[in-house]
Amino acid sequence: MSKHGQRGSDFPQDAREARTDLELTRAELGNTVHELAQKANLPARAKERAGTATEQVRPLLPAFAGALVLLLVVRGIRRRKARH
């Protein structure tokens, strides 16, 4: 016998239980659809990942800029020595 044909099963026994079951099912379905829509929205996911990467790199920018300036200074000194 099927699950719905048995007494004592999870099948609603009256209209109130049926409405409650329907509301819960709708809420679960809504959550599932929302999650699937988020997974399917690739541009938004890419933007979110880019924002996360930017937040992780931002504290390193001053050190990177300082290293770049130092590299350019050393390169300029070497070029001057090579000309003379």
PDB file of N, CA and C in Angstrom:
ATOM      1  N   MET A   1       0.838  -1.179   0.000  1.00  0.00           N
ATOM      2  CA  MET A   1       0.000   0.000   0.000  1.00  0.00           C
ATOM      3  C   MET A   1       0.886   1.247   0.000  1.00  0.00           C
ATOM      4  N   SER A   2       0.470   2.321  -0.646  1.00  0.00           N
ATOM      5  CA  SER A   2       1.294   3.523  -0.740  1.00  0.00           C
ATOM      6  C   SER A   2       1.329   4.256   0.594  1.00  0.00           C
ATOM      7  N   LYS A   3       2.265   5.151   0.693  1.00  0.00           N
ATOM      8  CA  LYS A   3       2.444   5.945   1.919  1.00  0.00           C
ATOM      9  C   LYS A   3       1.190   6.749   2.241  1.00  0.00           C
ATOM     10  N   HIS A   4       0.565   7.301   1.200  1.00  0.00           N
ATOM     11  CA  HIS A   4      -0.590   8.172   1.415  1.00  0.00           C
ATOM     12  C   HIS A   4      -1.850   7.389   1.780  1.00  0.00           C
ATOM     13  N   GLY A   5      -1.891   6.108   1.508  1.00  0.00           N
ATOM     14  CA  GLY A   5      -3.079   5.323   1.803  1.00  0.00           C
ATOM     15  C   GLY A   5      -3.078   4.739   3.195  1.00  0.00           C
ATOM     16  N   GLN A   6      -1.997   4.885   3.922  1.00  0.00           N
ATOM     17  CA  GLN A   6      -1.880   4.284   5.252  1.00  0.00           C
ATOM     18  C   GLN A   6      -2.353   5.258   6.318  1.00  0.00           C
ATOM     19  N   ARG A   7      -2.993   4.718   7.343  1.00  0.00           N
ATOM     20  CA  ARG A   7      -3.342   5.533   8.502  1.00  0.00           C
ATOM     21  C   ARG A   7      -2.086   5.742   9.339  1.00  0.00           C
ATOM     22  N   GLY A   8      -1.966   6.877   9.967  1.00  0.00           N
ATOM     23  CA  GLY A   8      -0.810   7.139  10.810  1.00  0.00           C
ATOM     24  C   GLY A   8       0.397   7.609  10.017  1.00  0.00           C
ATOM     25  N   SER A   9       0.225   7.840   8.742  1.00  0.00           N
ATOM     26  CA  SER A   9       1.337   8.306   7.923  1.00  0.00           C
ATOM     27  C   SER A   9       1.458   9.820   8.038  1.00  0.00           C
ATOM     28  N   ASP A  10       2.350  10.388   7.239  1.00  0.00           N
ATOM     29  CA  ASP A  10       2.542  11.832   7.241  1.00  0.00           C
ATOM     30  C   ASP A  10       1.482  12.550   6.431  1.00  0.00           C
ATOM     31  N   PHE A  11       0.605  11.841   5.807  1.00  0.00           N
ATOM     32  CA  PHE A  11      -0.441  12.453   4.991  1.00  0.00           C
ATOM     33  C   PHE A  11      -1.420  13.186   5.899  1.00  0.00           C
ATOM     34  N   PRO A  12      -1.787  14.420   5.521  1.00  0.00           N
ATOM     35  CA  PRO A  12      -2.711  15.202   6.355  1.00  0.00           C
ATOM     36  C   PRO A  12      -4.050  14.489   6.552  1.00  0.00           C
ATOM     37  N   GLN A  13      -4.544  14.542   7.784  1.00  0.00           N
ATOM     38  CA  GLN A  13      -5.794  13.859   8.123  1.00  0.00           C
ATOM     39  C   GLN A  13      -7.017  14.768   8.054  1.00  0.00           C
ATOM     40  N   ASP A  14      -6.804  16.092   8.074  1.00  0.00           N
ATOM     41  CA  ASP A  14      -7.936  17.012   7.975  1.00  0.00           C
ATOM     42  C   ASP A  14      -7.505  18.261   7.208  1.00  0.00           C
ATOM     43  N   ALA A  15      -8.443  19.172   6.986  1.00  0.00           N
ATOM     44  CA  ALA A  15      -8.183  20.365   6.176  1.00  0.00           C
ATOM     45  C   ALA A  15      -7.111  21.260   6.806  1.00  0.00           C
ATOM     46  N   ARG A  16      -7.125  21.375   8.140  1.00  0.00           N
ATOM     47  CA  ARG A  16      -6.136  22.225   8.821  1.00  0.00           C
ATOM     48  C   ARG A  16      -4.730  21.676   8.597  1.00  0.00           C
ATOM     49  N   GLU A  17      -4.554  20.378   8.761  1.00  0.00           N
ATOM     50  CA  GLU A  17      -3.248  19.755   8.532  1.00  0.00           C
ATOM     51  C   GLU A  17      -2.835  19.898   7.074  1.00  0.00           C
ATOM     52  N   ALA A  18      -3.797  19.762   6.168  1.00  0.00           N
ATOM     53  CA  ALA A  18      -3.500  19.890   4.741  1.00  0.00           C
ATOM     54  C   ALA A  18      -3.013  21.300   4.412  1.00  0.00           C
ATOM     55  N   ARG A  19      -3.674  22.320   4.997  1.00  0.00           N
ATOM     56  CA  ARG A  19      -3.239  23.696   4.758  1.00  0.00           C
ATOM     57  C   ARG A  19      -1.845  23.930   5.321  1.00  0.00           C
ATOM     58  N   THR A  20      -1.591  23.442   6.517  1.00  0.00           N
ATOM     59  CA  THR A  20      -0.269  23.601   7.128  1.00  0.00           C
ATOM     60  C   THR A  20       0.786  22.906   6.280  1.00  0.00           C
ATOM     61  N   ASP A  21       0.484  21.693   5.833  1.00  0.00           N
ATOM     62  CA  ASP A  21       1.415  20.950   4.982  1.00  0.00           C
ATOM     63  C   ASP A  21       1.670  21.701   3.681  1.00  0.00           C
ATOM     64  N   LEU A  22       0.620  22.261   3.102  1.00  0.00           N
ATOM     65  CA  LEU A  22       0.750  23.017   1.858  1.00  0.00           C
ATOM     66  C   LEU A  22       1.610  24.255   2.059  1.00  0.00           C
ATOM     67  N   GLU A  23       1.395  24.969   3.152  1.00  0.00           N
ATOM     68  CA  GLU A  23       2.189  26.169   3.438  1.00  0.00           C
ATOM     69  C   GLU A  23       3.665  25.820   3.619  1.00  0.00           C
ATOM     70  N   LEU A  24       3.948  24.750   4.330  1.00  0.00           N
ATOM     71  CA  LEU A  24       5.336  24.320   4.520  1.00  0.00           C
ATOM     72  C   LEU A  24       5.977  23.923   3.192  1.00  0.00           C
ATOM     73  N   THR A  25       5.222  23.199   2.380  1.00  0.00           N
ATOM     74  CA  THR A  25       5.730  22.778   1.078  1.00  0.00           C
ATOM     75  C   THR A  25       6.011  23.986   0.197  1.00  0.00           C
ATOM     76  N   ARG A  26       5.119  24.967   0.200  1.00  0.00           N
ATOM     77  CA  ARG A  26       5.333  26.186  -0.587  1.00  0.00           C
ATOM     78  C   ARG A  26       6.575  26.938  -0.114  1.00  0.00           C
ATOM     79  N   ALA A  27       6.754  27.016   1.199  1.00  0.00           N
ATOM     80  CA  ALA A  27       7.928  27.708   1.736  1.00  0.00           C
ATOM     81  C   ALA A  27       9.212  26.991   1.334  1.00  0.00           C
ATOM     82  N   GLU A  28       9.223  25.676   1.437  1.00  0.00           N
ATOM     83  CA  GLU A  28      10.403  24.894   1.045  1.00  0.00           C
ATOM     84  C   GLU A  28      10.684  25.056  -0.443  1.00  0.00           C
ATOM     85  N   LEU A  29       9.631  25.004  -1.247  1.00  0.00           N
ATOM     86  CA  LEU A  29       9.787  25.173  -2.690  1.00  0.00           C
ATOM     87  C   LEU A  29      10.306  26.567  -3.019  1.00  0.00           C
ATOM     88  N   GLY A  30       9.798  27.571  -2.340  1.00  0.00           N
ATOM     89  CA  GLY A  30      10.270  28.943  -2.549  1.00  0.00           C
ATOM     90  C   GLY A  30      11.746  29.078  -2.221  1.00  0.00           C
ATOM     91  N   ASN A  31      12.160  28.480  -1.112  1.00  0.00           N
ATOM     92  CA  ASN A  31      13.581  28.526  -0.738  1.00  0.00           C
ATOM     93  C   ASN A  31      14.436  27.818  -1.777  1.00  0.00           C
ATOM     94  N   THR A  32      13.967  26.679  -2.259  1.00  0.00           N
ATOM     95  CA  THR A  32      14.714  25.922  -3.258  1.00  0.00           C
ATOM     96  C   THR A  32      14.846  26.715  -4.553  1.00  0.00           C
ATOM     97  N   VAL A  33      13.756  27.323  -4.989  1.00  0.00           N
ATOM     98  CA  VAL A  33      13.789  28.132  -6.212  1.00  0.00           C
ATOM     99  C   VAL A  33      14.741  29.311  -6.035  1.00  0.00           C
ATOM    100  N   HIS A  34      14.715  29.952  -4.891  1.00  0.00           N
ATOM    101  CA  HIS A  34      15.611  31.086  -4.616  1.00  0.00           C
ATOM    102  C   HIS A  34      17.076  30.641  -4.673  1.00  0.00           C
ATOM    103  N   GLU A  35      17.393  29.505  -4.056  1.00  0.00           N
ATOM    104  CA  GLU A  35      18.767  28.994  -4.073  1.00  0.00           C
ATOM    105  C   GLU A  35      19.205  28.652  -5.492  1.00  0.00           C
ATOM    106  N   LEU A  36      18.331  28.031  -6.269  1.00  0.00           N
ATOM    107  CA  LEU A  36      18.667  27.698  -7.654  1.00  0.00           C
ATOM    108  C   LEU A  36      18.872  28.957  -8.490  1.00  0.00           C
ATOM    109  N   ALA A  37      18.052  29.965  -8.263  1.00  0.00           N
ATOM    110  CA  ALA A  37      18.195  31.219  -9.005  1.00  0.00           C
ATOM    111  C   ALA A  37      19.535  31.875  -8.689  1.00  0.00           C
ATOM    112  N   GLN A  38      19.946  31.819  -7.428  1.00  0.00           N
ATOM    113  CA  GLN A  38      21.244  32.397  -7.057  1.00  0.00           C
ATOM    114  C   GLN A  38      22.385  31.639  -7.726  1.00  0.00           C
ATOM    115  N   LYS A  39      22.294  30.319  -7.769  1.00  0.00           N
ATOM    116  CA  LYS A  39      23.343  29.520  -8.398  1.00  0.00           C
ATOM    117  C   LYS A  39      23.392  29.755  -9.900  1.00  0.00           C
ATOM    118  N   ALA A  40      22.260  30.018 -10.514  1.00  0.00           N
ATOM    119  CA  ALA A  40      22.197  30.221 -11.955  1.00  0.00           C
ATOM    120  C   ALA A  40      22.612  31.634 -12.362  1.00  0.00           C
ATOM    121  N   ASN A  41      22.652  32.566 -11.437  1.00  0.00           N
ATOM    122  CA  ASN A  41      22.996  33.955 -11.734  1.00  0.00           C
ATOM    123  C   ASN A  41      24.516  34.117 -11.714  1.00  0.00           C
ATOM    124  N   LEU A  42      25.144  33.699 -12.807  1.00  0.00           N
ATOM    125  CA  LEU A  42      26.607  33.712 -12.869  1.00  0.00           C
ATOM    126  C   LEU A  42      27.213  35.107 -12.779  1.00  0.00           C
ATOM    127  N   PRO A  43      26.650  36.127 -13.430  1.00  0.00           N
ATOM    128  CA  PRO A  43      27.249  37.462 -13.290  1.00  0.00           C
ATOM    129  C   PRO A  43      27.275  37.948 -11.840  1.00  0.00           C
ATOM    130  N   ALA A  44      26.206  37.689 -11.102  1.00  0.00           N
ATOM    131  CA  ALA A  44      26.176  38.124  -9.698  1.00  0.00           C
ATOM    132  C   ALA A  44      27.193  37.340  -8.871  1.00  0.00           C
ATOM    133  N   ARG A  45      27.317  36.045  -9.138  1.00  0.00           N
ATOM    134  CA  ARG A  45      28.292  35.240  -8.402  1.00  0.00           C
ATOM    135  C   ARG A  45      29.713  35.700  -8.709  1.00  0.00           C
ATOM    136  N   ALA A  46      29.993  36.025  -9.971  1.00  0.00           N
ATOM    137  CA  ALA A  46      31.327  36.502 -10.343  1.00  0.00           C
ATOM    138  C   ALA A  46      31.627  37.836  -9.664  1.00  0.00           C
ATOM    139  N   LYS A  47      30.626  38.711  -9.626  1.00  0.00           N
ATOM    140  CA  LYS A  47      30.809  40.017  -8.982  1.00  0.00           C
ATOM    141  C   LYS A  47      31.076  39.843  -7.484  1.00  0.00           C
ATOM    142  N   GLU A  48      30.359  38.916  -6.863  1.00  0.00           N
ATOM    143  CA  GLU A  48      30.554  38.650  -5.441  1.00  0.00           C
ATOM    144  C   GLU A  48      31.965  38.127  -5.173  1.00  0.00           C
ATOM    145  N   ARG A  49      32.418  37.213  -6.012  1.00  0.00           N
ATOM    146  CA  ARG A  49      33.778  36.673  -5.841  1.00  0.00           C
ATOM    147  C   ARG A  49      34.838  37.735  -6.065  1.00  0.00           C
ATOM    148  N   ALA A  50      34.605  38.607  -7.045  1.00  0.00           N
ATOM    149  CA  ALA A  50      35.557  39.686  -7.298  1.00  0.00           C
ATOM    150  C   ALA A  50      35.617  40.630  -6.098  1.00  0.00           C
ATOM    151  N   GLY A  51      34.473  40.915  -5.512  1.00  0.00           N
ATOM    152  CA  GLY A  51      34.448  41.767  -4.324  1.00  0.00           C
ATOM    153  C   GLY A  51      35.192  41.143  -3.168  1.00  0.00           C
ATOM    154  N   THR A  52      35.039  39.843  -3.004  1.00  0.00           N
ATOM    155  CA  THR A  52      35.748  39.136  -1.935  1.00  0.00           C
ATOM    156  C   THR A  52      37.256  39.172  -2.180  1.00  0.00           C
ATOM    157  N   ALA A  53      37.660  38.954  -3.423  1.00  0.00           N
ATOM    158  CA  ALA A  53      39.089  38.979  -3.755  1.00  0.00           C
ATOM    159  C   ALA A  53      39.665  40.374  -3.528  1.00  0.00           C
ATOM    160  N   THR A  54      38.911  41.399  -3.900  1.00  0.00           N
ATOM    161  CA  THR A  54      39.365  42.777  -3.696  1.00  0.00           C
ATOM    162  C   THR A  54      39.559  43.070  -2.209  1.00  0.00           C
ATOM    163  N   GLU A  55      38.630  42.607  -1.388  1.00  0.00           N
ATOM    164  CA  GLU A  55      38.747  42.826   0.052  1.00  0.00           C
ATOM    165  C   GLU A  55      39.980  42.131   0.623  1.00  0.00           C
ATOM    166  N   GLN A  56      40.335  40.980   0.064  1.00  0.00           N
ATOM    167  CA  GLN A  56      41.492  40.245   0.561  1.00  0.00           C
ATOM    168  C   GLN A  56      42.797  40.896   0.117  1.00  0.00           C
ATOM    169  N   VAL A  57      42.810  41.513  -1.067  1.00  0.00           N
ATOM    170  CA  VAL A  57      44.034  42.096  -1.619  1.00  0.00           C
ATOM    171  C   VAL A  57      44.271  43.519  -1.132  1.00  0.00           C
ATOM    172  N   ARG A  58      43.208  44.236  -0.839  1.00  0.00           N
ATOM    173  CA  ARG A  58      43.311  45.653  -0.477  1.00  0.00           C
ATOM    174  C   ARG A  58      44.353  45.929   0.622  1.00  0.00           C
ATOM    175  N   PRO A  59      44.444  45.144   1.693  1.00  0.00           N
ATOM    176  CA  PRO A  59      45.463  45.430   2.718  1.00  0.00           C
ATOM    177  C   PRO A  59      46.898  45.287   2.197  1.00  0.00           C
ATOM    178  N   LEU A  60      47.107  44.564   1.117  1.00  0.00           N
ATOM    179  CA  LEU A  60      48.446  44.353   0.580  1.00  0.00           C
ATOM    180  C   LEU A  60      48.887  45.447  -0.380  1.00  0.00           C
ATOM    181  N   LEU A  61      47.973  46.310  -0.824  1.00  0.00           N
ATOM    182  CA  LEU A  61      48.296  47.317  -1.830  1.00  0.00           C
ATOM    183  C   LEU A  61      49.400  48.281  -1.400  1.00  0.00           C
ATOM    184  N   PRO A  62      49.416  48.814  -0.186  1.00  0.00           N
ATOM    185  CA  PRO A  62      50.516  49.722   0.179  1.00  0.00           C
ATOM    186  C   PRO A  62      51.890  49.043   0.101  1.00  0.00           C
ATOM    187  N   ALA A  63      51.982  47.808   0.531  1.00  0.00           N
ATOM    188  CA  ALA A  63      53.260  47.094   0.459  1.00  0.00           C
ATOM    189  C   ALA A  63      53.661  46.860  -0.992  1.00  0.00           C
ATOM    190  N   PHE A  64      52.692  46.508  -1.823  1.00  0.00           N
ATOM    191  CA  PHE A  64      52.968  46.290  -3.241  1.00  0.00           C
ATOM    192  C   PHE A  64      53.439  47.576  -3.906  1.00  0.00           C
ATOM    193  N   ALA A  65      52.775  48.696  -3.595  1.00  0.00           N
ATOM    194  CA  ALA A  65      53.152  49.987  -4.176  1.00  0.00           C
ATOM    195  C   ALA A  65      54.564  50.376  -3.726  1.00  0.00           C
ATOM    196  N   GLY A  66      54.876  50.164  -2.471  1.00  0.00           N
ATOM    197  CA  GLY A  66      56.223  50.460  -1.977  1.00  0.00           C
ATOM    198  C   GLY A  66      57.282  49.617  -2.663  1.00  0.00           C
ATOM    199  N   ALA A  67      57.005  48.332  -2.860  1.00  0.00           N
ATOM    200  CA  ALA A  67      57.950  47.448  -3.541  1.00  0.00           C
ATOM    201  C   ALA A  67      58.141  47.880  -4.993  1.00  0.00           C
ATOM    202  N   LEU A  68      57.070  48.323  -5.639  1.00  0.00           N
ATOM    203  CA  LEU A  68      57.161  48.775  -7.024  1.00  0.00           C
ATOM    204  C   LEU A  68      58.012  50.038  -7.127  1.00  0.00           C
ATOM    205  N   VAL A  69      57.812  50.975  -6.218  1.00  0.00           N
ATOM    206  CA  VAL A  69      58.617  52.199  -6.215  1.00  0.00           C
ATOM    207  C   VAL A  69      60.082  51.855  -5.980  1.00  0.00           C
ATOM    208  N   LEU A  70      60.362  50.977  -5.042  1.00  0.00           N
ATOM    209  CA  LEU A  70      61.745  50.568  -4.771  1.00  0.00           C
ATOM    210  C   LEU A  70      62.362  49.918  -6.004  1.00  0.00           C
ATOM    211  N   LEU A  71      61.618  49.069  -6.670  1.00  0.00           N
ATOM    212  CA  LEU A  71      62.115  48.412  -7.880  1.00  0.00           C
ATOM    213  C   LEU A  71      62.453  49.434  -8.958  1.00  0.00           C
ATOM    214  N   LEU A  72      61.577  50.434  -9.135  1.00  0.00           N
ATOM    215  CA  LEU A  72      61.832  51.461 -10.140  1.00  0.00           C
ATOM    216  C   LEU A  72      63.047  52.312  -9.792  1.00  0.00           C
ATOM    217  N   VAL A  73      63.237  52.601  -8.510  1.00  0.00           N
ATOM    218  CA  VAL A  73      64.409  53.378  -8.082  1.00  0.00           C
ATOM    219  C   VAL A  73      65.685  52.589  -8.343  1.00  0.00           C
ATOM    220  N   VAL A  74      65.697  51.336  -7.974  1.00  0.00           N
ATOM    221  CA  VAL A  74      66.885  50.494  -8.189  1.00  0.00           C
ATOM    222  C   VAL A  74      67.164  50.362  -9.679  1.00  0.00           C
ATOM    223  N   ARG A  75      66.139  50.200 -10.465  1.00  0.00           N
ATOM    224  CA  ARG A  75      66.321  50.067 -11.925  1.00  0.00           C
ATOM    225  C   ARG A  75      66.898  51.366 -12.503  1.00  0.00           C
ATOM    226  N   GLY A  76      66.398  52.515 -12.024  1.00  0.00           N
ATOM    227  CA  GLY A  76      66.916  53.809 -12.488  1.00  0.00           C
ATOM    228  C   GLY A  76      68.372  53.994 -12.112  1.00  0.00           C
ATOM    229  N   ILE A  77      68.752  53.589 -10.901  1.00  0.00           N
ATOM    230  CA  ILE A  77      70.155  53.690 -10.461  1.00  0.00           C
ATOM    231  C   ILE A  77      71.038  52.818 -11.331  1.00  0.00           C
ATOM    232  N   ARG A  78      70.599  51.604 -11.622  1.00  0.00           N
ATOM    233  CA  ARG A  78      71.393  50.696 -12.464  1.00  0.00           C
ATOM    234  C   ARG A  78      71.565  51.254 -13.878  1.00  0.00           C
ATOM    235  N   ARG A  79      70.528  51.861 -14.413  1.00  0.00           N
ATOM    236  CA  ARG A  79      70.618  52.432 -15.769  1.00  0.00           C
ATOM    237  C   ARG A  79      71.614  53.592 -15.781  1.00  0.00           C
ATOM    238  N   ARG A  80      71.597  54.418 -14.738  1.00  0.00           N
ATOM    239  CA  ARG A  80      72.541  55.537 -14.664  1.00  0.00           C
ATOM    240  C   ARG A  80      73.979  55.018 -14.595  1.00  0.00           C
ATOM    241  N   LYS A  81      74.209  53.997 -13.806  1.00  0.00           N
ATOM    242  CA  LYS A  81      75.552  53.433 -13.699  1.00  0.00           C
ATOM    243  C   LYS A  81      75.996  52.816 -15.020  1.00  0.00           C
ATOM    244  N   ALA A  82      75.061  52.209 -15.736  1.00  0.00           N
ATOM    245  CA  ALA A  82      75.400  51.567 -17.003  1.00  0.00           C
ATOM    246  C   ALA A  82      75.742  52.615 -18.067  1.00  0.00           C
ATOM    247  N   ARG A  83      75.213  53.825 -18.012  1.00  0.00           N
ATOM    248  CA  ARG A  83      75.490  54.887 -18.973  1.00  0.00           C
ATOM    249  C   ARG A  83      76.866  55.505 -18.748  1.00  0.00           C
ATOM    250  N   HIS A  84      77.328  55.507 -17.530  1.00  0.00           N
ATOM    251  CA  HIS A  84      78.598  56.171 -17.191  1.00  0.00           C
ATOM    252  C   HIS A  84      79.730  55.248 -17.276  1.00  0.00           C
TER     253      HIS A  84
END
